[in-house]
Amino acid sequence: MAKSEIIKILKKYCTLLNLSGIPVEKAFLYGSHARGEAGPDSDIDVMLVSESFDNSDEEANIKAWSFTRKVDTRIEPYTVGLHQFLNDEVSPLLQIVKQDGIEVEL
């Protein structure tokens, strides 16, 4: 699947999250789709950044996962609080996504 199609899927997913009360400040495609190495069965790795995830809000995390079924079951959300995203310089995954991820224009 073309990267542009994956981006459309992620925009739709983020729109649904926003409408459900989870304001997604940033979203990044990472992993095999971002690198152009995805196969037909590859998942869609997305890092979601929202203040809703700052306080380990279990309900917000459950919504993030449950909404994947409404859009595309291949979506694998990784949720990060806005504070952590802006201040964490230790997390290897966060640094990789910041450096190599593709930001989804919301």
PDB file of N, CA and C in Angstrom:
ATOM      1  N   MET A   1       0.848  -1.183   0.000  1.00  0.00           N
ATOM      2  CA  MET A   1       0.000   0.000   0.000  1.00  0.00           C
ATOM      3  C   MET A   1       0.890   1.242   0.000  1.00  0.00           C
ATOM      4  N   ALA A   2       0.503   2.220  -0.783  1.00  0.00           N
ATOM      5  CA  ALA A   2       1.281   3.456  -0.900  1.00  0.00           C
ATOM      6  C   ALA A   2       1.274   4.231   0.417  1.00  0.00           C
ATOM      7  N   LYS A   3       2.385   4.917   0.666  1.00  0.00           N
ATOM      8  CA  LYS A   3       2.518   5.706   1.888  1.00  0.00           C
ATOM      9  C   LYS A   3       1.404   6.746   1.996  1.00  0.00           C
ATOM     10  N   SER A   4       0.997   7.318   0.857  1.00  0.00           N
ATOM     11  CA  SER A   4      -0.069   8.327   0.881  1.00  0.00           C
ATOM     12  C   SER A   4      -1.389   7.728   1.369  1.00  0.00           C
ATOM     13  N   GLU A   5      -1.645   6.470   1.029  1.00  0.00           N
ATOM     14  CA  GLU A   5      -2.864   5.798   1.505  1.00  0.00           C
ATOM     15  C   GLU A   5      -2.794   5.551   3.008  1.00  0.00           C
ATOM     16  N   ILE A   6      -1.624   5.190   3.494  1.00  0.00           N
ATOM     17  CA  ILE A   6      -1.436   4.975   4.933  1.00  0.00           C
ATOM     18  C   ILE A   6      -1.661   6.285   5.682  1.00  0.00           C
ATOM     19  N   ILE A   7      -1.143   7.380   5.147  1.00  0.00           N
ATOM     20  CA  ILE A   7      -1.328   8.695   5.775  1.00  0.00           C
ATOM     21  C   ILE A   7      -2.814   9.042   5.827  1.00  0.00           C
ATOM     22  N   LYS A   8      -3.562   8.761   4.766  1.00  0.00           N
ATOM     23  CA  LYS A   8      -5.016   9.018   4.766  1.00  0.00           C
ATOM     24  C   LYS A   8      -5.708   8.220   5.864  1.00  0.00           C
ATOM     25  N   ILE A   9      -5.321   6.965   6.010  1.00  0.00           N
ATOM     26  CA  ILE A   9      -5.898   6.112   7.054  1.00  0.00           C
ATOM     27  C   ILE A   9      -5.613   6.713   8.430  1.00  0.00           C
ATOM     28  N   LEU A  10      -4.388   7.159   8.646  1.00  0.00           N
ATOM     29  CA  LEU A  10      -4.021   7.728   9.948  1.00  0.00           C
ATOM     30  C   LEU A  10      -4.718   9.054  10.212  1.00  0.00           C
ATOM     31  N   LYS A  11      -4.928   9.855   9.182  1.00  0.00           N
ATOM     32  CA  LYS A  11      -5.672  11.113   9.363  1.00  0.00           C
ATOM     33  C   LYS A  11      -7.104  10.819   9.796  1.00  0.00           C
ATOM     34  N   LYS A  12      -7.722   9.832   9.167  1.00  0.00           N
ATOM     35  CA  LYS A  12      -9.090   9.450   9.537  1.00  0.00           C
ATOM     36  C   LYS A  12      -9.123   8.961  10.990  1.00  0.00           C
ATOM     37  N   TYR A  13      -8.162   8.147  11.348  1.00  0.00           N
ATOM     38  CA  TYR A  13      -8.061   7.614  12.707  1.00  0.00           C
ATOM     39  C   TYR A  13      -7.906   8.744  13.732  1.00  0.00           C
ATOM     40  N   CYS A  14      -7.016   9.684  13.460  1.00  0.00           N
ATOM     41  CA  CYS A  14      -6.793  10.805  14.382  1.00  0.00           C
ATOM     42  C   CYS A  14      -8.019  11.705  14.475  1.00  0.00           C
ATOM     43  N   THR A  15      -8.726  11.883  13.375  1.00  0.00           N
ATOM     44  CA  THR A  15      -9.963  12.672  13.391  1.00  0.00           C
ATOM     45  C   THR A  15     -10.986  12.032  14.319  1.00  0.00           C
ATOM     46  N   LEU A  16     -11.134  10.715  14.238  1.00  0.00           N
ATOM     47  CA  LEU A  16     -12.071  10.021  15.130  1.00  0.00           C
ATOM     48  C   LEU A  16     -11.656  10.174  16.592  1.00  0.00           C
ATOM     49  N   LEU A  17     -10.376  10.078  16.865  1.00  0.00           N
ATOM     50  CA  LEU A  17      -9.908  10.265  18.244  1.00  0.00           C
ATOM     51  C   LEU A  17     -10.210  11.677  18.727  1.00  0.00           C
ATOM     52  N   ASN A  18      -9.946  12.670  17.890  1.00  0.00           N
ATOM     53  CA  ASN A  18     -10.246  14.061  18.259  1.00  0.00           C
ATOM     54  C   ASN A  18     -11.727  14.240  18.552  1.00  0.00           C
ATOM     55  N   LEU A  19     -12.575  13.670  17.718  1.00  0.00           N
ATOM     56  CA  LEU A  19     -14.028  13.785  17.914  1.00  0.00           C
ATOM     57  C   LEU A  19     -14.495  13.061  19.176  1.00  0.00           C
ATOM     58  N   SER A  20     -13.728  12.057  19.618  1.00  0.00           N
ATOM     59  CA  SER A  20     -14.108  11.297  20.813  1.00  0.00           C
ATOM     60  C   SER A  20     -13.607  11.951  22.100  1.00  0.00           C
ATOM     61  N   GLY A  21     -12.894  13.079  21.969  1.00  0.00           N
ATOM     62  CA  GLY A  21     -12.422  13.778  23.161  1.00  0.00           C
ATOM     63  C   GLY A  21     -10.957  13.570  23.476  1.00  0.00           C
ATOM     64  N   ILE A  22     -10.219  12.923  22.576  1.00  0.00           N
ATOM     65  CA  ILE A  22      -8.777  12.771  22.757  1.00  0.00           C
ATOM     66  C   ILE A  22      -8.097  13.686  21.747  1.00  0.00           C
ATOM     67  N   PRO A  23      -7.661  14.867  22.196  1.00  0.00           N
ATOM     68  CA  PRO A  23      -7.031  15.801  21.259  1.00  0.00           C
ATOM     69  C   PRO A  23      -5.615  15.340  20.903  1.00  0.00           C
ATOM     70  N   VAL A  24      -5.460  14.858  19.697  1.00  0.00           N
ATOM     71  CA  VAL A  24      -4.152  14.397  19.231  1.00  0.00           C
ATOM     72  C   VAL A  24      -3.370  15.614  18.736  1.00  0.00           C
ATOM     73  N   GLU A  25      -2.303  15.957  19.454  1.00  0.00           N
ATOM     74  CA  GLU A  25      -1.482  17.109  19.070  1.00  0.00           C
ATOM     75  C   GLU A  25      -0.557  16.772  17.910  1.00  0.00           C
ATOM     76  N   LYS A  26      -0.012  15.556  17.938  1.00  0.00           N
ATOM     77  CA  LYS A  26       0.896  15.107  16.888  1.00  0.00           C
ATOM     78  C   LYS A  26       0.694  13.615  16.665  1.00  0.00           C
ATOM     79  N   ALA A  27       0.977  13.180  15.441  1.00  0.00           N
ATOM     80  CA  ALA A  27       0.965  11.761  15.110  1.00  0.00           C
ATOM     81  C   ALA A  27       2.129  11.506  14.155  1.00  0.00           C
ATOM     82  N   PHE A  28       2.831  10.405  14.392  1.00  0.00           N
ATOM     83  CA  PHE A  28       3.988  10.059  13.568  1.00  0.00           C
ATOM     84  C   PHE A  28       3.867   8.622  13.076  1.00  0.00           C
ATOM     85  N   LEU A  29       3.995   8.438  11.784  1.00  0.00           N
ATOM     86  CA  LEU A  29       4.112   7.109  11.199  1.00  0.00           C
ATOM     87  C   LEU A  29       5.564   6.682  11.370  1.00  0.00           C
ATOM     88  N   TYR A  30       5.776   5.471  11.865  1.00  0.00           N
ATOM     89  CA  TYR A  30       7.139   4.958  11.995  1.00  0.00           C
ATOM     90  C   TYR A  30       7.125   3.474  11.660  1.00  0.00           C
ATOM     91  N   GLY A  31       8.264   2.852  11.674  1.00  0.00           N
ATOM     92  CA  GLY A  31       8.338   1.429  11.373  1.00  0.00           C
ATOM     93  C   GLY A  31       8.436   1.160   9.884  1.00  0.00           C
ATOM     94  N   SER A  32       8.008  -0.033   9.485  1.00  0.00           N
ATOM     95  CA  SER A  32       8.207  -0.490   8.106  1.00  0.00           C
ATOM     96  C   SER A  32       7.533   0.395   7.067  1.00  0.00           C
ATOM     97  N   HIS A  33       6.345   0.915   7.363  1.00  0.00           N
ATOM     98  CA  HIS A  33       5.675   1.794   6.389  1.00  0.00           C
ATOM     99  C   HIS A  33       6.447   3.095   6.204  1.00  0.00           C
ATOM    100  N   ALA A  34       6.981   3.643   7.265  1.00  0.00           N
ATOM    101  CA  ALA A  34       7.752   4.886   7.161  1.00  0.00           C
ATOM    102  C   ALA A  34       9.057   4.663   6.396  1.00  0.00           C
ATOM    103  N   ARG A  35       9.635   3.476   6.549  1.00  0.00           N
ATOM    104  CA  ARG A  35      10.894   3.165   5.867  1.00  0.00           C
ATOM    105  C   ARG A  35      10.688   2.693   4.429  1.00  0.00           C
ATOM    106  N   GLY A  36       9.422   2.461   4.041  1.00  0.00           N
ATOM    107  CA  GLY A  36       9.147   1.955   2.696  1.00  0.00           C
ATOM    108  C   GLY A  36       9.436   0.477   2.549  1.00  0.00           C
ATOM    109  N   GLU A  37       9.395  -0.262   3.661  1.00  0.00           N
ATOM    110  CA  GLU A  37       9.715  -1.690   3.660  1.00  0.00           C
ATOM    111  C   GLU A  37       8.516  -2.555   4.024  1.00  0.00           C
ATOM    112  N   ALA A  38       7.322  -2.000   4.014  1.00  0.00           N
ATOM    113  CA  ALA A  38       6.135  -2.725   4.471  1.00  0.00           C
ATOM    114  C   ALA A  38       5.726  -3.802   3.478  1.00  0.00           C
ATOM    115  N   GLY A  39       5.295  -4.920   4.030  1.00  0.00           N
ATOM    116  CA  GLY A  39       4.730  -5.995   3.230  1.00  0.00           C
ATOM    117  C   GLY A  39       3.216  -5.955   3.341  1.00  0.00           C
ATOM    118  N   PRO A  40       2.532  -6.874   2.670  1.00  0.00           N
ATOM    119  CA  PRO A  40       1.062  -6.860   2.689  1.00  0.00           C
ATOM    120  C   PRO A  40       0.452  -7.066   4.076  1.00  0.00           C
ATOM    121  N   ASP A  41       1.173  -7.729   4.966  1.00  0.00           N
ATOM    122  CA  ASP A  41       0.648  -8.002   6.307  1.00  0.00           C
ATOM    123  C   ASP A  41       1.257  -7.106   7.386  1.00  0.00           C
ATOM    124  N   SER A  42       1.985  -6.082   6.977  1.00  0.00           N
ATOM    125  CA  SER A  42       2.639  -5.199   7.954  1.00  0.00           C
ATOM    126  C   SER A  42       1.621  -4.374   8.727  1.00  0.00           C
ATOM    127  N   ASP A  43       1.898  -4.198  10.016  1.00  0.00           N
ATOM    128  CA  ASP A  43       1.045  -3.317  10.802  1.00  0.00           C
ATOM    129  C   ASP A  43       1.406  -1.867  10.496  1.00  0.00           C
ATOM    130  N   ILE A  44       0.564  -0.958  10.973  1.00  0.00           N
ATOM    131  CA  ILE A  44       0.770   0.476  10.762  1.00  0.00           C
ATOM    132  C   ILE A  44       1.135   1.072  12.116  1.00  0.00           C
ATOM    133  N   ASP A  45       2.423   1.296  12.318  1.00  0.00           N
ATOM    134  CA  ASP A  45       2.908   1.832  13.589  1.00  0.00           C
ATOM    135  C   ASP A  45       2.708   3.337  13.616  1.00  0.00           C
ATOM    136  N   VAL A  46       2.014   3.808  14.645  1.00  0.00           N
ATOM    137  CA  VAL A  46       1.780   5.250  14.777  1.00  0.00           C
ATOM    138  C   VAL A  46       1.996   5.669  16.228  1.00  0.00           C
ATOM    139  N   MET A  47       2.762   6.729  16.401  1.00  0.00           N
ATOM    140  CA  MET A  47       2.927   7.323  17.724  1.00  0.00           C
ATOM    141  C   MET A  47       1.942   8.476  17.824  1.00  0.00           C
ATOM    142  N   LEU A  48       1.091   8.417  18.838  1.00  0.00           N
ATOM    143  CA  LEU A  48       0.103   9.466  19.094  1.00  0.00           C
ATOM    144  C   LEU A  48       0.569  10.295  20.284  1.00  0.00           C
ATOM    145  N   VAL A  49       0.572  11.602  20.123  1.00  0.00           N
ATOM    146  CA  VAL A  49       0.989  12.507  21.192  1.00  0.00           C
ATOM    147  C   VAL A  49      -0.219  13.335  21.614  1.00  0.00           C
ATOM    148  N   SER A  50      -0.566  13.244  22.906  1.00  0.00           N
ATOM    149  CA  SER A  50      -1.722  13.971  23.420  1.00  0.00           C
ATOM    150  C   SER A  50      -1.560  14.225  24.911  1.00  0.00           C
ATOM    151  N   GLU A  51      -2.065  15.365  25.353  1.00  0.00           N
ATOM    152  CA  GLU A  51      -2.095  15.631  26.795  1.00  0.00           C
ATOM    153  C   GLU A  51      -2.932  14.582  27.515  1.00  0.00           C
ATOM    154  N   SER A  52      -3.872  13.979  26.817  1.00  0.00           N
ATOM    155  CA  SER A  52      -4.720  12.949  27.428  1.00  0.00           C
ATOM    156  C   SER A  52      -3.908  11.760  27.920  1.00  0.00           C
ATOM    157  N   PHE A  53      -2.727  11.549  27.356  1.00  0.00           N
ATOM    158  CA  PHE A  53      -1.895  10.417  27.755  1.00  0.00           C
ATOM    159  C   PHE A  53      -0.872  10.787  28.826  1.00  0.00           C
ATOM    160  N   ASP A  54      -0.807  12.062  29.223  1.00  0.00           N
ATOM    161  CA  ASP A  54       0.165  12.496  30.227  1.00  0.00           C
ATOM    162  C   ASP A  54      -0.061  11.857  31.589  1.00  0.00           C
ATOM    163  N   ASN A  55      -1.281  11.614  31.946  1.00  0.00           N
ATOM    164  CA  ASN A  55      -1.592  11.108  33.283  1.00  0.00           C
ATOM    165  C   ASN A  55      -1.934   9.629  33.283  1.00  0.00           C
ATOM    166  N   SER A  56      -1.384   8.894  32.320  1.00  0.00           N
ATOM    167  CA  SER A  56      -1.664   7.457  32.207  1.00  0.00           C
ATOM    168  C   SER A  56      -3.161   7.196  32.215  1.00  0.00           C
ATOM    169  N   ASP A  57      -3.889   7.965  31.432  1.00  0.00           N
ATOM    170  CA  ASP A  57      -5.343   7.845  31.341  1.00  0.00           C
ATOM    171  C   ASP A  57      -5.703   6.544  30.624  1.00  0.00           C
ATOM    172  N   GLU A  58      -6.093   5.546  31.409  1.00  0.00           N
ATOM    173  CA  GLU A  58      -6.410   4.225  30.860  1.00  0.00           C
ATOM    174  C   GLU A  58      -7.555   4.295  29.855  1.00  0.00           C
ATOM    175  N   GLU A  59      -8.550   5.124  30.131  1.00  0.00           N
ATOM    176  CA  GLU A  59      -9.686   5.253  29.214  1.00  0.00           C
ATOM    177  C   GLU A  59      -9.230   5.775  27.849  1.00  0.00           C
ATOM    178  N   ALA A  60      -8.333   6.735  27.843  1.00  0.00           N
ATOM    179  CA  ALA A  60      -7.821   7.277  26.580  1.00  0.00           C
ATOM    180  C   ALA A  60      -7.047   6.205  25.815  1.00  0.00           C
ATOM    181  N   ASN A  61      -6.260   5.413  26.522  1.00  0.00           N
ATOM    182  CA  ASN A  61      -5.520   4.331  25.867  1.00  0.00           C
ATOM    183  C   ASN A  61      -6.454   3.275  25.297  1.00  0.00           C
ATOM    184  N   ILE A  62      -7.494   2.950  26.031  1.00  0.00           N
ATOM    185  CA  ILE A  62      -8.476   1.977  25.544  1.00  0.00           C
ATOM    186  C   ILE A  62      -9.157   2.507  24.291  1.00  0.00           C
ATOM    187  N   LYS A  63      -9.532   3.785  24.298  1.00  0.00           N
ATOM    188  CA  LYS A  63     -10.138   4.390  23.105  1.00  0.00           C
ATOM    189  C   LYS A  63      -9.183   4.340  21.924  1.00  0.00           C
ATOM    190  N   ALA A  64      -7.919   4.662  22.170  1.00  0.00           N
ATOM    191  CA  ALA A  64      -6.932   4.658  21.084  1.00  0.00           C
ATOM    192  C   ALA A  64      -6.870   3.287  20.421  1.00  0.00           C
ATOM    193  N   TRP A  65      -6.915   2.238  21.221  1.00  0.00           N
ATOM    194  CA  TRP A  65      -6.884   0.887  20.658  1.00  0.00           C
ATOM    195  C   TRP A  65      -8.221   0.498  20.047  1.00  0.00           C
ATOM    196  N   SER A  66      -9.316   0.819  20.707  1.00  0.00           N
ATOM    197  CA  SER A  66     -10.619   0.378  20.188  1.00  0.00           C
ATOM    198  C   SER A  66     -10.978   1.057  18.872  1.00  0.00           C
ATOM    199  N   PHE A  67     -10.519   2.286  18.674  1.00  0.00           N
ATOM    200  CA  PHE A  67     -10.834   2.988  17.429  1.00  0.00           C
ATOM    201  C   PHE A  67     -10.083   2.414  16.235  1.00  0.00           C
ATOM    202  N   THR A  68      -9.052   1.609  16.477  1.00  0.00           N
ATOM    203  CA  THR A  68      -8.361   0.981  15.346  1.00  0.00           C
ATOM    204  C   THR A  68      -9.322   0.079  14.583  1.00  0.00           C
ATOM    205  N   ARG A  69     -10.242  -0.564  15.297  1.00  0.00           N
ATOM    206  CA  ARG A  69     -11.211  -1.462  14.639  1.00  0.00           C
ATOM    207  C   ARG A  69     -12.166  -0.703  13.739  1.00  0.00           C
ATOM    208  N   LYS A  70     -12.390   0.573  14.039  1.00  0.00           N
ATOM    209  CA  LYS A  70     -13.309   1.375  13.229  1.00  0.00           C
ATOM    210  C   LYS A  70     -12.647   1.894  11.953  1.00  0.00           C
ATOM    211  N   VAL A  71     -11.324   1.902  11.922  1.00  0.00           N
ATOM    212  CA  VAL A  71     -10.609   2.475  10.777  1.00  0.00           C
ATOM    213  C   VAL A  71      -9.813   1.408  10.034  1.00  0.00           C
ATOM    214  N   ASP A  72      -8.881   0.766  10.731  1.00  0.00           N
ATOM    215  CA  ASP A  72      -8.034  -0.257  10.104  1.00  0.00           C
ATOM    216  C   ASP A  72      -7.371  -1.050  11.224  1.00  0.00           C
ATOM    217  N   THR A  73      -7.618  -2.345  11.251  1.00  0.00           N
ATOM    218  CA  THR A  73      -7.116  -3.174  12.350  1.00  0.00           C
ATOM    219  C   THR A  73      -5.597  -3.333  12.332  1.00  0.00           C
ATOM    220  N   ARG A  74      -4.950  -2.891  11.277  1.00  0.00           N
ATOM    221  CA  ARG A  74      -3.484  -2.962  11.229  1.00  0.00           C
ATOM    222  C   ARG A  74      -2.826  -1.839  12.023  1.00  0.00           C
ATOM    223  N   ILE A  75      -3.601  -0.831  12.427  1.00  0.00           N
ATOM    224  CA  ILE A  75      -3.041   0.291  13.185  1.00  0.00           C
ATOM    225  C   ILE A  75      -2.596  -0.192  14.563  1.00  0.00           C
ATOM    226  N   GLU A  76      -1.347   0.119  14.906  1.00  0.00           N
ATOM    227  CA  GLU A  76      -0.769  -0.209  16.212  1.00  0.00           C
ATOM    228  C   GLU A  76      -0.370   1.103  16.885  1.00  0.00           C
ATOM    229  N   PRO A  77      -1.265   1.669  17.716  1.00  0.00           N
ATOM    230  CA  PRO A  77      -0.936   2.956  18.338  1.00  0.00           C
ATOM    231  C   PRO A  77       0.025   2.811  19.509  1.00  0.00           C
ATOM    232  N   TYR A  78       0.961   3.724  19.574  1.00  0.00           N
ATOM    233  CA  TYR A  78       1.853   3.867  20.723  1.00  0.00           C
ATOM    234  C   TYR A  78       1.566   5.252  21.275  1.00  0.00           C
ATOM    235  N   THR A  79       1.024   5.309  22.478  1.00  0.00           N
ATOM    236  CA  THR A  79       0.571   6.587  23.033  1.00  0.00           C
ATOM    237  C   THR A  79       1.639   7.218  23.918  1.00  0.00           C
ATOM    238  N   VAL A  80       1.797   8.539  23.758  1.00  0.00           N
ATOM    239  CA  VAL A  80       2.791   9.293  24.512  1.00  0.00           C
ATOM    240  C   VAL A  80       2.156  10.601  24.968  1.00  0.00           C
ATOM    241  N   GLY A  81       2.351  10.938  26.226  1.00  0.00           N
ATOM    242  CA  GLY A  81       1.872  12.219  26.726  1.00  0.00           C
ATOM    243  C   GLY A  81       2.671  13.367  26.121  1.00  0.00           C
ATOM    244  N   LEU A  82       2.027  14.515  25.987  1.00  0.00           N
ATOM    245  CA  LEU A  82       2.690  15.684  25.405  1.00  0.00           C
ATOM    246  C   LEU A  82       3.921  16.075  26.222  1.00  0.00           C
ATOM    247  N   HIS A  83       3.797  16.046  27.548  1.00  0.00           N
ATOM    248  CA  HIS A  83       4.930  16.395  28.417  1.00  0.00           C
ATOM    249  C   HIS A  83       6.113  15.460  28.160  1.00  0.00           C
ATOM    250  N   GLN A  84       5.839  14.161  28.105  1.00  0.00           N
ATOM    251  CA  GLN A  84       6.912  13.198  27.852  1.00  0.00           C
ATOM    252  C   GLN A  84       7.529  13.431  26.474  1.00  0.00           C
ATOM    253  N   PHE A  85       6.686  13.664  25.471  1.00  0.00           N
ATOM    254  CA  PHE A  85       7.183  13.886  24.114  1.00  0.00           C
ATOM    255  C   PHE A  85       8.136  15.079  24.062  1.00  0.00           C
ATOM    256  N   LEU A  86       7.784  16.145  24.754  1.00  0.00           N
ATOM    257  CA  LEU A  86       8.588  17.366  24.713  1.00  0.00           C
ATOM    258  C   LEU A  86       9.851  17.291  25.565  1.00  0.00           C
ATOM    259  N   ASN A  87       9.830  16.461  26.625  1.00  0.00           N
ATOM    260  CA  ASN A  87      10.914  16.499  27.604  1.00  0.00           C
ATOM    261  C   ASN A  87      11.769  15.242  27.713  1.00  0.00           C
ATOM    262  N   ASP A  88      11.287  14.111  27.238  1.00  0.00           N
ATOM    263  CA  ASP A  88      12.021  12.848  27.394  1.00  0.00           C
ATOM    264  C   ASP A  88      13.144  12.755  26.360  1.00  0.00           C
ATOM    265  N   GLU A  89      14.370  12.719  26.851  1.00  0.00           N
ATOM    266  CA  GLU A  89      15.519  12.577  25.960  1.00  0.00           C
ATOM    267  C   GLU A  89      16.201  11.231  26.161  1.00  0.00           C
ATOM    268  N   VAL A  90      15.521  10.313  26.856  1.00  0.00           N
ATOM    269  CA  VAL A  90      16.107   9.028  27.199  1.00  0.00           C
ATOM    270  C   VAL A  90      15.487   7.875  26.408  1.00  0.00           C
ATOM    271  N   SER A  91      14.198   7.932  26.148  1.00  0.00           N
ATOM    272  CA  SER A  91      13.500   6.831  25.483  1.00  0.00           C
ATOM    273  C   SER A  91      14.036   6.611  24.069  1.00  0.00           C
ATOM    274  N   PRO A  92      14.606   5.431  23.810  1.00  0.00           N
ATOM    275  CA  PRO A  92      15.131   5.162  22.467  1.00  0.00           C
ATOM    276  C   PRO A  92      14.054   5.241  21.381  1.00  0.00           C
ATOM    277  N   LEU A  93      12.874   4.674  21.650  1.00  0.00           N
ATOM    278  CA  LEU A  93      11.818   4.708  20.636  1.00  0.00           C
ATOM    279  C   LEU A  93      11.399   6.139  20.335  1.00  0.00           C
ATOM    280  N   LEU A  94      11.245   6.931  21.357  1.00  0.00           N
ATOM    281  CA  LEU A  94      10.852   8.332  21.168  1.00  0.00           C
ATOM    282  C   LEU A  94      11.887   9.074  20.320  1.00  0.00           C
ATOM    283  N   GLN A  95      13.146   8.830  20.576  1.00  0.00           N
ATOM    284  CA  GLN A  95      14.200   9.495  19.804  1.00  0.00           C
ATOM    285  C   GLN A  95      14.209   9.024  18.353  1.00  0.00           C
ATOM    286  N   ILE A  96      13.992   7.733  18.127  1.00  0.00           N
ATOM    287  CA  ILE A  96      13.944   7.200  16.758  1.00  0.00           C
ATOM    288  C   ILE A  96      12.777   7.802  15.994  1.00  0.00           C
ATOM    289  N   VAL A  97      11.616   7.862  16.633  1.00  0.00           N
ATOM    290  CA  VAL A  97      10.433   8.405  15.963  1.00  0.00           C
ATOM    291  C   VAL A  97      10.624   9.890  15.666  1.00  0.00           C
ATOM    292  N   LYS A  98      11.180  10.634  16.611  1.00  0.00           N
ATOM    293  CA  LYS A  98      11.428  12.062  16.373  1.00  0.00           C
ATOM    294  C   LYS A  98      12.388  12.265  15.202  1.00  0.00           C
ATOM    295  N   GLN A  99      13.358  11.387  15.087  1.00  0.00           N
ATOM    296  CA  GLN A  99      14.379  11.533  14.049  1.00  0.00           C
ATOM    297  C   GLN A  99      13.920  10.984  12.698  1.00  0.00           C
ATOM    298  N   ASP A 100      13.303   9.800  12.698  1.00  0.00           N
ATOM    299  CA  ASP A 100      13.023   9.105  11.442  1.00  0.00           C
ATOM    300  C   ASP A 100      11.546   8.965  11.100  1.00  0.00           C
ATOM    301  N   GLY A 101      10.657   9.285  12.049  1.00  0.00           N
ATOM    302  CA  GLY A 101       9.230   9.139  11.791  1.00  0.00           C
ATOM    303  C   GLY A 101       8.721  10.187  10.812  1.00  0.00           C
ATOM    304  N   ILE A 102       7.570   9.904  10.243  1.00  0.00           N
ATOM    305  CA  ILE A 102       6.922  10.837   9.317  1.00  0.00           C
ATOM    306  C   ILE A 102       5.746  11.466  10.044  1.00  0.00           C
ATOM    307  N   GLU A 103       5.803  12.777  10.248  1.00  0.00           N
ATOM    308  CA  GLU A 103       4.709  13.450  10.948  1.00  0.00           C
ATOM    309  C   GLU A 103       3.486  13.519  10.045  1.00  0.00           C
ATOM    310  N   VAL A 104       2.351  13.126  10.600  1.00  0.00           N
ATOM    311  CA  VAL A 104       1.080  13.173   9.883  1.00  0.00           C
ATOM    312  C   VAL A 104       0.500  14.563  10.091  1.00  0.00           C
ATOM    313  N   GLU A 105       0.244  15.276   9.017  1.00  0.00           N
ATOM    314  CA  GLU A 105      -0.350  16.616   9.114  1.00  0.00           C
ATOM    315  C   GLU A 105      -1.795  16.472   9.566  1.00  0.00           C
ATOM    316  N   LEU A 106      -2.114  17.019  10.735  1.00  0.00           N
ATOM    317  CA  LEU A 106      -3.474  16.893  11.282  1.00  0.00           C
ATOM    318  C   LEU A 106      -4.275  18.150  11.043  1.00  0.00           C
TER     319      LEU A 106
END
